[in-house]
């Protein structure tokens, strides 16, 4: 009977440890930018903080484009993302947009160069209410960028809002 109690206790400990261990496919949030200020925005002179039109009620970045432009939003460095799928996610809205707007992510690899992922498969155009967009970037073992830049590309005239920005990773 005593062995049964010890075995039960050991089983409970093993199950507890297993539940605390990250699963193979678990998504990890690397950064979240709720956009309640312009703090950290790389090109604050190119955008406005809109406290009225926002997806979460806390503010959004508004871009009033007079022609094609790329707005550099945030940059992260010192993150370990090799052998994973990076996902740049955000909520977008547009008004009277002539052309397209989409998410753009650049991964910088020092002397090896820069590589990008663009949301050209599902851009915004015209007038669109708040919608979620996501673009991936796949990194193999040994591929770890020294920095990742999150941009909003606007390919024409009009107004675009971006809110609730995040960068996640998950193993693949």
N, C-alpha and C. Protein backbone atom coordinates (compact mmCIF):
# COMPACT_ATOMS: atom_id res chain seq x y z
N UNK A 1 0.82 -1.19 0.00
CA UNK A 1 0.00 0.00 0.00
C UNK A 1 0.86 1.26 0.00
N UNK A 2 1.99 1.20 0.71
CA UNK A 2 2.86 2.36 0.78
C UNK A 2 3.44 2.69 -0.59
N UNK A 3 3.82 1.69 -1.36
CA UNK A 3 4.35 1.91 -2.70
C UNK A 3 3.32 2.58 -3.59
N UNK A 4 2.08 2.22 -3.41
CA UNK A 4 1.00 2.82 -4.21
C UNK A 4 0.89 4.32 -3.92
N UNK A 5 1.01 4.72 -2.64
CA UNK A 5 0.96 6.14 -2.26
C UNK A 5 2.14 6.91 -2.82
N UNK A 6 3.34 6.31 -2.78
CA UNK A 6 4.52 6.94 -3.33
C UNK A 6 4.40 7.10 -4.84
N UNK A 7 3.89 6.05 -5.47
CA UNK A 7 3.70 6.10 -6.92
C UNK A 7 2.68 7.17 -7.30
N UNK A 8 1.60 7.28 -6.53
CA UNK A 8 0.58 8.31 -6.79
C UNK A 8 1.17 9.71 -6.63
N UNK A 9 1.96 9.91 -5.58
CA UNK A 9 2.59 11.21 -5.35
C UNK A 9 3.55 11.55 -6.49
N UNK A 10 4.34 10.57 -6.91
CA UNK A 10 5.28 10.77 -8.00
C UNK A 10 4.53 11.12 -9.29
N UNK A 11 3.44 10.43 -9.54
CA UNK A 11 2.63 10.70 -10.73
C UNK A 11 2.08 12.12 -10.71
N UNK A 12 1.60 12.58 -9.57
CA UNK A 12 1.08 13.95 -9.44
C UNK A 12 2.19 14.96 -9.72
N UNK A 13 3.39 14.72 -9.21
CA UNK A 13 4.51 15.64 -9.43
C UNK A 13 4.88 15.67 -10.91
N UNK A 14 4.94 14.52 -11.57
CA UNK A 14 5.28 14.46 -12.99
C UNK A 14 4.23 15.19 -13.83
N UNK A 15 2.97 14.99 -13.53
CA UNK A 15 1.89 15.67 -14.26
C UNK A 15 1.98 17.17 -14.04
N UNK A 16 2.26 17.62 -12.81
CA UNK A 16 2.38 19.04 -12.52
C UNK A 16 3.53 19.66 -13.32
N UNK A 17 4.68 18.99 -13.34
CA UNK A 17 5.83 19.51 -14.08
C UNK A 17 5.52 19.55 -15.58
N UNK A 18 4.90 18.51 -16.10
CA UNK A 18 4.56 18.46 -17.52
C UNK A 18 3.61 19.58 -17.90
N UNK A 19 2.69 19.92 -17.02
CA UNK A 19 1.74 21.00 -17.31
C UNK A 19 2.42 22.37 -17.32
N UNK A 20 3.51 22.51 -16.59
CA UNK A 20 4.23 23.77 -16.53
C UNK A 20 5.20 23.94 -17.70
N UNK A 21 5.60 22.84 -18.33
CA UNK A 21 6.57 22.85 -19.42
C UNK A 21 5.91 23.36 -20.69
N UNK A 22 6.53 24.29 -21.45
CA UNK A 22 5.91 24.79 -22.68
C UNK A 22 5.76 23.66 -23.69
N UNK A 23 4.63 23.64 -24.35
CA UNK A 23 4.41 22.61 -25.37
C UNK A 23 5.17 22.98 -26.64
N UNK A 24 5.36 22.02 -27.50
CA UNK A 24 6.15 22.22 -28.72
C UNK A 24 5.56 23.31 -29.61
N UNK A 25 4.25 23.38 -29.73
CA UNK A 25 3.63 24.33 -30.63
C UNK A 25 3.12 25.59 -29.95
N UNK A 26 3.58 25.91 -28.77
CA UNK A 26 3.06 27.04 -28.01
C UNK A 26 3.50 28.37 -28.60
N UNK A 27 2.56 29.29 -28.78
CA UNK A 27 2.85 30.63 -29.27
C UNK A 27 3.34 31.49 -28.12
N UNK A 28 4.40 32.24 -28.36
CA UNK A 28 4.97 33.13 -27.35
C UNK A 28 4.90 34.56 -27.87
N UNK A 29 4.32 35.45 -27.09
CA UNK A 29 4.26 36.86 -27.48
C UNK A 29 5.59 37.51 -27.14
N UNK A 30 6.25 38.06 -28.14
CA UNK A 30 7.54 38.73 -27.95
C UNK A 30 7.37 40.20 -27.60
N UNK A 31 6.36 40.83 -28.17
CA UNK A 31 6.12 42.25 -27.91
C UNK A 31 4.67 42.58 -28.25
N UNK A 32 4.12 43.53 -27.49
CA UNK A 32 2.77 44.04 -27.76
C UNK A 32 2.83 45.55 -27.68
N UNK A 33 2.21 46.18 -28.67
CA UNK A 33 2.17 47.64 -28.73
C UNK A 33 0.70 48.04 -28.80
N UNK A 34 0.10 48.39 -27.66
CA UNK A 34 -1.34 48.72 -27.65
C UNK A 34 -1.66 50.07 -28.29
N UNK A 35 -0.66 50.88 -28.56
CA UNK A 35 -0.81 52.18 -29.21
C UNK A 35 -1.68 53.13 -28.39
N UNK A 36 -1.29 53.33 -27.16
CA UNK A 36 -1.95 54.35 -26.34
C UNK A 36 -1.09 55.61 -26.25
N UNK A 37 0.05 55.59 -26.95
CA UNK A 37 0.92 56.76 -27.09
C UNK A 37 1.80 56.51 -28.31
N UNK A 38 2.61 57.48 -28.67
CA UNK A 38 3.54 57.31 -29.79
C UNK A 38 4.94 56.94 -29.29
N UNK A 39 5.05 56.62 -28.02
CA UNK A 39 6.33 56.23 -27.45
C UNK A 39 6.85 54.99 -28.16
N UNK A 40 8.09 55.06 -28.62
CA UNK A 40 8.71 53.93 -29.28
C UNK A 40 8.50 53.89 -30.78
N UNK A 41 7.59 54.71 -31.33
CA UNK A 41 7.37 54.74 -32.77
C UNK A 41 8.62 55.32 -33.44
N UNK A 42 9.14 54.63 -34.44
CA UNK A 42 10.38 55.05 -35.09
C UNK A 42 10.25 56.33 -35.90
N UNK A 43 9.08 56.57 -36.48
CA UNK A 43 8.86 57.79 -37.29
C UNK A 43 7.64 58.54 -36.75
N UNK A 44 7.75 59.10 -35.54
CA UNK A 44 6.58 59.77 -34.95
C UNK A 44 6.12 61.00 -35.72
N UNK A 45 7.00 61.63 -36.50
CA UNK A 45 6.61 62.81 -37.27
C UNK A 45 5.72 62.46 -38.46
N UNK A 46 5.68 61.17 -38.83
CA UNK A 46 4.89 60.74 -39.99
C UNK A 46 3.50 60.26 -39.62
N UNK A 47 3.19 60.27 -38.32
CA UNK A 47 1.91 59.72 -37.86
C UNK A 47 1.27 60.62 -36.82
N UNK A 48 0.00 60.34 -36.53
CA UNK A 48 -0.73 61.04 -35.47
C UNK A 48 -1.29 60.00 -34.50
N UNK A 49 -1.43 60.37 -33.24
CA UNK A 49 -2.11 59.51 -32.28
C UNK A 49 -3.58 59.90 -32.30
N UNK A 50 -4.44 58.96 -32.67
CA UNK A 50 -5.87 59.21 -32.75
C UNK A 50 -6.55 58.56 -31.55
N UNK A 51 -7.11 59.37 -30.68
CA UNK A 51 -7.78 58.86 -29.47
C UNK A 51 -9.27 58.63 -29.70
N UNK A 52 -9.79 59.01 -30.86
CA UNK A 52 -11.22 58.85 -31.14
C UNK A 52 -11.50 57.61 -31.99
N UNK A 53 -10.73 57.42 -33.04
CA UNK A 53 -10.93 56.26 -33.90
C UNK A 53 -9.87 55.23 -33.51
N UNK A 54 -10.29 54.20 -32.80
CA UNK A 54 -9.40 53.20 -32.24
C UNK A 54 -10.13 51.87 -32.12
N UNK A 55 -9.42 50.79 -32.27
CA UNK A 55 -10.07 49.48 -32.19
C UNK A 55 -10.29 49.03 -30.75
N UNK A 56 -9.50 49.54 -29.83
CA UNK A 56 -9.61 49.09 -28.44
C UNK A 56 -9.98 50.21 -27.46
N UNK A 57 -10.25 51.42 -27.98
CA UNK A 57 -10.65 52.53 -27.12
C UNK A 57 -9.51 53.23 -26.42
N UNK A 58 -8.24 52.85 -26.74
CA UNK A 58 -7.09 53.43 -26.03
C UNK A 58 -6.18 54.24 -26.94
N UNK A 59 -6.55 54.40 -28.21
CA UNK A 59 -5.72 55.15 -29.14
C UNK A 59 -5.27 54.27 -30.30
N UNK A 60 -4.96 54.91 -31.42
CA UNK A 60 -4.46 54.22 -32.60
C UNK A 60 -3.53 55.16 -33.35
N UNK A 61 -2.66 54.58 -34.15
CA UNK A 61 -1.80 55.37 -35.02
C UNK A 61 -2.57 55.66 -36.30
N UNK A 62 -2.61 56.95 -36.68
CA UNK A 62 -3.27 57.36 -37.92
C UNK A 62 -2.22 57.88 -38.89
N UNK A 63 -2.29 57.36 -40.11
CA UNK A 63 -1.39 57.79 -41.18
C UNK A 63 -2.23 58.47 -42.25
N UNK A 64 -1.94 59.72 -42.50
CA UNK A 64 -2.61 60.46 -43.56
C UNK A 64 -1.63 60.53 -44.72
N UNK A 65 -1.78 59.60 -45.66
CA UNK A 65 -0.83 59.48 -46.77
C UNK A 65 -1.25 60.37 -47.94
N UNK A 66 -0.29 61.12 -48.47
CA UNK A 66 -0.51 61.96 -49.64
C UNK A 66 0.09 61.31 -50.88
N UNK A 67 0.61 60.13 -50.69
CA UNK A 67 1.22 59.35 -51.76
C UNK A 67 1.85 58.12 -51.12
N UNK A 68 2.49 57.28 -51.91
CA UNK A 68 3.11 56.07 -51.36
C UNK A 68 4.11 56.39 -50.25
N UNK A 69 4.04 55.63 -49.17
CA UNK A 69 4.93 55.82 -48.04
C UNK A 69 5.06 54.54 -47.24
N UNK A 70 6.17 54.42 -46.54
CA UNK A 70 6.36 53.33 -45.58
C UNK A 70 6.61 53.97 -44.23
N UNK A 71 5.79 53.61 -43.26
CA UNK A 71 5.92 54.15 -41.91
C UNK A 71 6.63 53.10 -41.05
N UNK A 72 7.78 53.48 -40.54
CA UNK A 72 8.55 52.59 -39.66
C UNK A 72 7.98 52.73 -38.25
N UNK A 73 7.40 51.65 -37.75
CA UNK A 73 6.69 51.72 -36.47
C UNK A 73 7.57 51.32 -35.29
N UNK A 74 7.96 50.07 -35.23
CA UNK A 74 8.70 49.57 -34.07
C UNK A 74 9.83 48.67 -34.52
N UNK A 75 10.84 48.58 -33.65
CA UNK A 75 11.97 47.72 -33.92
C UNK A 75 12.32 46.97 -32.65
N UNK A 76 12.61 45.69 -32.80
CA UNK A 76 13.01 44.85 -31.67
C UNK A 76 14.37 44.24 -31.96
N UNK A 77 15.19 44.14 -30.94
CA UNK A 77 16.49 43.49 -31.09
C UNK A 77 16.72 42.62 -29.85
N UNK A 78 17.72 41.75 -29.96
CA UNK A 78 18.05 40.88 -28.84
C UNK A 78 17.01 39.81 -28.56
N UNK A 79 16.26 39.41 -29.56
CA UNK A 79 15.25 38.37 -29.36
C UNK A 79 15.74 37.07 -30.00
N UNK A 80 15.45 35.96 -29.36
CA UNK A 80 15.85 34.65 -29.86
C UNK A 80 14.68 34.04 -30.62
N UNK A 81 14.77 34.03 -31.94
CA UNK A 81 13.64 33.57 -32.75
C UNK A 81 14.03 32.53 -33.79
N UNK A 82 15.26 31.99 -33.71
CA UNK A 82 15.64 31.01 -34.72
C UNK A 82 14.75 29.78 -34.64
N UNK A 83 14.62 29.13 -35.78
CA UNK A 83 13.82 27.91 -35.89
C UNK A 83 12.38 28.14 -35.43
N UNK A 84 11.77 29.23 -35.91
CA UNK A 84 10.40 29.54 -35.50
C UNK A 84 9.67 30.31 -36.60
N UNK A 85 8.40 30.46 -36.37
CA UNK A 85 7.54 31.26 -37.25
C UNK A 85 7.23 32.55 -36.51
N UNK A 86 7.72 33.69 -37.03
CA UNK A 86 7.38 34.99 -36.47
C UNK A 86 6.06 35.43 -37.09
N UNK A 87 5.21 36.08 -36.31
CA UNK A 87 3.96 36.62 -36.83
C UNK A 87 3.80 38.06 -36.36
N UNK A 88 3.65 38.95 -37.32
CA UNK A 88 3.38 40.37 -37.08
C UNK A 88 1.88 40.51 -37.26
N UNK A 89 1.19 40.88 -36.17
CA UNK A 89 -0.27 40.99 -36.18
C UNK A 89 -0.67 42.41 -35.80
N UNK A 90 -1.77 42.87 -36.41
CA UNK A 90 -2.28 44.21 -36.08
C UNK A 90 -3.72 44.33 -36.55
N UNK A 91 -4.39 45.34 -36.02
CA UNK A 91 -5.74 45.72 -36.47
C UNK A 91 -5.55 46.93 -37.37
N UNK A 92 -6.21 46.91 -38.54
CA UNK A 92 -6.10 47.99 -39.52
C UNK A 92 -7.47 48.51 -39.91
N UNK A 93 -7.50 49.77 -40.32
CA UNK A 93 -8.72 50.42 -40.80
C UNK A 93 -8.28 51.42 -41.85
N UNK A 94 -9.11 51.63 -42.88
CA UNK A 94 -8.76 52.62 -43.91
C UNK A 94 -9.98 53.44 -44.30
N UNK A 95 -9.70 54.63 -44.82
CA UNK A 95 -10.77 55.51 -45.30
C UNK A 95 -10.29 56.20 -46.57
N UNK A 96 -11.10 56.05 -47.65
CA UNK A 96 -10.81 56.67 -48.94
C UNK A 96 -9.37 56.40 -49.40
N UNK A 97 -8.94 55.18 -49.24
CA UNK A 97 -7.58 54.81 -49.61
C UNK A 97 -7.51 54.46 -51.09
N UNK A 98 -6.76 55.25 -51.84
CA UNK A 98 -6.50 54.98 -53.25
C UNK A 98 -5.18 54.22 -53.29
N UNK A 99 -5.23 52.98 -53.59
CA UNK A 99 -4.03 52.14 -53.51
C UNK A 99 -4.23 51.11 -52.42
N UNK A 100 -3.14 50.57 -51.92
CA UNK A 100 -3.21 49.50 -50.93
C UNK A 100 -2.40 49.84 -49.69
N UNK A 101 -2.81 49.26 -48.58
CA UNK A 101 -2.03 49.35 -47.34
C UNK A 101 -1.86 47.93 -46.81
N UNK A 102 -0.68 47.65 -46.27
CA UNK A 102 -0.40 46.30 -45.77
C UNK A 102 0.73 46.35 -44.73
N UNK A 103 0.81 45.28 -43.95
CA UNK A 103 1.87 45.12 -42.98
C UNK A 103 3.15 44.70 -43.69
N UNK A 104 4.27 45.12 -43.12
CA UNK A 104 5.58 44.77 -43.67
C UNK A 104 6.53 44.52 -42.50
N UNK A 105 7.26 43.40 -42.56
CA UNK A 105 8.22 43.05 -41.50
C UNK A 105 9.58 42.78 -42.14
N UNK A 106 10.60 43.44 -41.61
CA UNK A 106 11.97 43.25 -42.08
C UNK A 106 12.78 42.55 -41.01
N UNK A 107 13.52 41.52 -41.39
CA UNK A 107 14.46 40.85 -40.50
C UNK A 107 15.87 41.19 -40.99
N UNK A 108 16.69 41.73 -40.09
CA UNK A 108 18.04 42.19 -40.40
C UNK A 108 19.04 41.17 -39.86
N UNK A 109 19.95 40.72 -40.71
CA UNK A 109 20.92 39.69 -40.33
C UNK A 109 22.35 40.22 -40.46
N UNK A 110 22.63 41.39 -39.93
CA UNK A 110 23.97 41.95 -39.97
C UNK A 110 24.50 42.02 -41.39
N UNK A 111 25.72 41.49 -41.59
CA UNK A 111 26.36 41.54 -42.91
C UNK A 111 25.69 40.64 -43.94
N UNK A 112 24.85 39.73 -43.50
CA UNK A 112 24.15 38.83 -44.42
C UNK A 112 23.01 39.54 -45.15
N UNK A 113 22.57 40.68 -44.66
CA UNK A 113 21.54 41.44 -45.35
C UNK A 113 20.20 41.46 -44.63
N UNK A 114 19.21 41.97 -45.35
CA UNK A 114 17.86 42.13 -44.82
C UNK A 114 16.88 41.36 -45.71
N UNK A 115 15.87 40.80 -45.06
CA UNK A 115 14.84 40.06 -45.77
C UNK A 115 13.49 40.50 -45.23
N UNK A 116 12.45 40.41 -46.07
CA UNK A 116 11.16 40.96 -45.65
C UNK A 116 10.02 39.99 -45.90
N UNK A 117 8.92 40.30 -45.24
CA UNK A 117 7.64 39.64 -45.47
C UNK A 117 6.62 40.77 -45.59
N UNK A 118 5.77 40.67 -46.62
CA UNK A 118 4.78 41.72 -46.85
C UNK A 118 3.40 41.12 -46.98
N UNK A 119 2.40 41.83 -46.49
CA UNK A 119 1.02 41.36 -46.54
C UNK A 119 0.32 41.71 -47.83
N UNK A 120 0.97 41.46 -48.95
CA UNK A 120 0.40 41.79 -50.26
C UNK A 120 -0.77 40.89 -50.66
N UNK A 121 -0.89 39.74 -50.01
CA UNK A 121 -1.98 38.81 -50.36
C UNK A 121 -3.33 39.29 -49.85
N UNK A 122 -3.33 40.18 -48.85
CA UNK A 122 -4.58 40.61 -48.24
C UNK A 122 -4.50 42.09 -47.82
N UNK A 123 -4.27 43.00 -48.77
CA UNK A 123 -4.13 44.42 -48.42
C UNK A 123 -5.48 45.10 -48.20
N UNK A 124 -5.44 46.27 -47.61
CA UNK A 124 -6.62 47.12 -47.50
C UNK A 124 -6.64 48.08 -48.68
N UNK A 125 -7.84 48.43 -49.13
CA UNK A 125 -8.01 49.45 -50.15
C UNK A 125 -9.40 50.05 -49.97
N UNK A 126 -9.57 51.29 -50.37
CA UNK A 126 -10.87 51.94 -50.21
C UNK A 126 -11.15 52.27 -48.76
N UNK A 127 -12.39 52.03 -48.32
CA UNK A 127 -12.79 52.27 -46.93
C UNK A 127 -13.13 50.92 -46.31
N UNK A 128 -12.41 50.58 -45.24
CA UNK A 128 -12.56 49.29 -44.56
C UNK A 128 -12.62 49.55 -43.05
N UNK A 129 -13.61 48.96 -42.39
CA UNK A 129 -13.68 49.05 -40.92
C UNK A 129 -12.57 48.20 -40.31
N UNK A 130 -12.42 48.25 -39.00
CA UNK A 130 -11.35 47.53 -38.31
C UNK A 130 -11.34 46.06 -38.71
N UNK A 131 -10.17 45.59 -39.08
CA UNK A 131 -9.98 44.20 -39.48
C UNK A 131 -8.60 43.74 -39.01
N UNK A 132 -8.47 42.47 -38.75
CA UNK A 132 -7.18 41.91 -38.31
C UNK A 132 -6.37 41.45 -39.51
N UNK A 133 -5.08 41.71 -39.44
CA UNK A 133 -4.15 41.24 -40.46
C UNK A 133 -2.95 40.61 -39.77
N UNK A 134 -2.31 39.68 -40.48
CA UNK A 134 -1.15 38.98 -39.94
C UNK A 134 -0.24 38.57 -41.08
N UNK A 135 1.08 38.72 -40.88
CA UNK A 135 2.03 38.21 -41.86
C UNK A 135 3.09 37.39 -41.13
N UNK A 136 3.51 36.29 -41.74
CA UNK A 136 4.52 35.43 -41.11
C UNK A 136 5.92 35.66 -41.70
N UNK A 137 6.91 35.20 -40.96
CA UNK A 137 8.29 35.13 -41.43
C UNK A 137 8.86 33.86 -40.83
N UNK A 138 9.32 32.94 -41.68
CA UNK A 138 9.80 31.63 -41.22
C UNK A 138 11.32 31.65 -41.11
N UNK A 139 11.82 31.26 -39.94
CA UNK A 139 13.26 31.23 -39.68
C UNK A 139 13.69 29.79 -39.39
N UNK A 140 14.75 29.37 -40.05
CA UNK A 140 15.29 28.02 -39.85
C UNK A 140 16.26 28.02 -38.67
N UNK A 141 16.68 26.81 -38.28
CA UNK A 141 17.71 26.69 -37.23
C UNK A 141 18.95 27.44 -37.69
N UNK A 142 19.53 28.22 -36.79
CA UNK A 142 20.71 29.01 -37.09
C UNK A 142 20.41 30.39 -37.67
N UNK A 143 19.17 30.66 -38.02
CA UNK A 143 18.78 31.97 -38.53
C UNK A 143 18.15 32.78 -37.39
N UNK A 144 18.87 33.77 -36.94
CA UNK A 144 18.39 34.60 -35.84
C UNK A 144 18.73 36.06 -36.16
N UNK A 145 17.74 36.86 -36.57
CA UNK A 145 18.04 38.25 -36.94
C UNK A 145 18.52 39.06 -35.74
N UNK A 146 19.39 40.04 -36.03
CA UNK A 146 19.84 40.91 -34.94
C UNK A 146 18.79 41.97 -34.61
N UNK A 147 17.85 42.21 -35.54
CA UNK A 147 16.72 43.09 -35.26
C UNK A 147 15.58 42.81 -36.22
N UNK A 148 14.38 43.14 -35.78
CA UNK A 148 13.16 42.97 -36.56
C UNK A 148 12.44 44.31 -36.57
N UNK A 149 12.08 44.79 -37.77
CA UNK A 149 11.40 46.08 -37.91
C UNK A 149 9.98 45.84 -38.41
N UNK A 150 9.02 46.48 -37.74
CA UNK A 150 7.60 46.38 -38.10
C UNK A 150 7.17 47.68 -38.75
N UNK A 151 6.67 47.58 -39.97
CA UNK A 151 6.27 48.75 -40.76
C UNK A 151 4.82 48.65 -41.19
N UNK A 152 4.29 49.80 -41.63
CA UNK A 152 3.02 49.87 -42.32
C UNK A 152 3.31 50.52 -43.67
N UNK A 153 3.02 49.81 -44.75
CA UNK A 153 3.24 50.33 -46.10
C UNK A 153 1.91 50.82 -46.67
N UNK A 154 1.93 52.01 -47.22
CA UNK A 154 0.74 52.59 -47.84
C UNK A 154 1.12 52.95 -49.27
N UNK A 155 0.41 52.36 -50.24
CA UNK A 155 0.77 52.53 -51.64
C UNK A 155 -0.07 53.55 -52.37
N UNK A 156 -0.53 54.58 -51.70
CA UNK A 156 -1.34 55.60 -52.36
C UNK A 156 -1.85 56.63 -51.38
N UNK A 157 -2.83 57.41 -51.80
CA UNK A 157 -3.40 58.47 -50.97
C UNK A 157 -4.54 57.92 -50.12
N UNK A 158 -4.71 58.49 -48.92
CA UNK A 158 -5.82 58.12 -48.05
C UNK A 158 -5.38 58.05 -46.61
N UNK A 159 -6.29 57.60 -45.76
CA UNK A 159 -6.01 57.52 -44.32
C UNK A 159 -6.06 56.06 -43.88
N UNK A 160 -5.07 55.68 -43.10
CA UNK A 160 -4.98 54.32 -42.57
C UNK A 160 -4.70 54.42 -41.07
N UNK A 161 -5.39 53.58 -40.30
CA UNK A 161 -5.16 53.47 -38.87
C UNK A 161 -4.59 52.09 -38.58
N UNK A 162 -3.72 52.00 -37.57
CA UNK A 162 -3.18 50.73 -37.12
C UNK A 162 -3.21 50.72 -35.60
N UNK A 163 -3.60 49.58 -35.03
CA UNK A 163 -3.77 49.47 -33.59
C UNK A 163 -3.49 48.03 -33.16
N UNK A 164 -3.28 47.84 -31.87
CA UNK A 164 -3.15 46.52 -31.25
C UNK A 164 -2.12 45.67 -32.00
N UNK A 165 -0.90 46.16 -32.03
CA UNK A 165 0.20 45.54 -32.77
C UNK A 165 0.93 44.54 -31.88
N UNK A 166 1.26 43.38 -32.44
CA UNK A 166 2.03 42.40 -31.66
C UNK A 166 2.96 41.61 -32.57
N UNK A 167 3.98 41.04 -31.95
CA UNK A 167 4.91 40.14 -32.62
C UNK A 167 4.97 38.88 -31.78
N UNK A 168 4.68 37.74 -32.40
CA UNK A 168 4.71 36.46 -31.70
C UNK A 168 5.63 35.50 -32.43
N UNK A 169 6.00 34.44 -31.71
CA UNK A 169 6.77 33.37 -32.34
C UNK A 169 6.21 32.04 -31.88
N UNK A 170 6.36 31.06 -32.75
CA UNK A 170 6.00 29.70 -32.39
C UNK A 170 6.90 28.75 -33.15
N UNK A 171 7.28 27.66 -32.53
CA UNK A 171 8.14 26.70 -33.22
C UNK A 171 7.39 26.05 -34.38
N UNK A 172 8.14 25.64 -35.39
CA UNK A 172 7.51 24.90 -36.49
C UNK A 172 8.36 23.73 -36.88
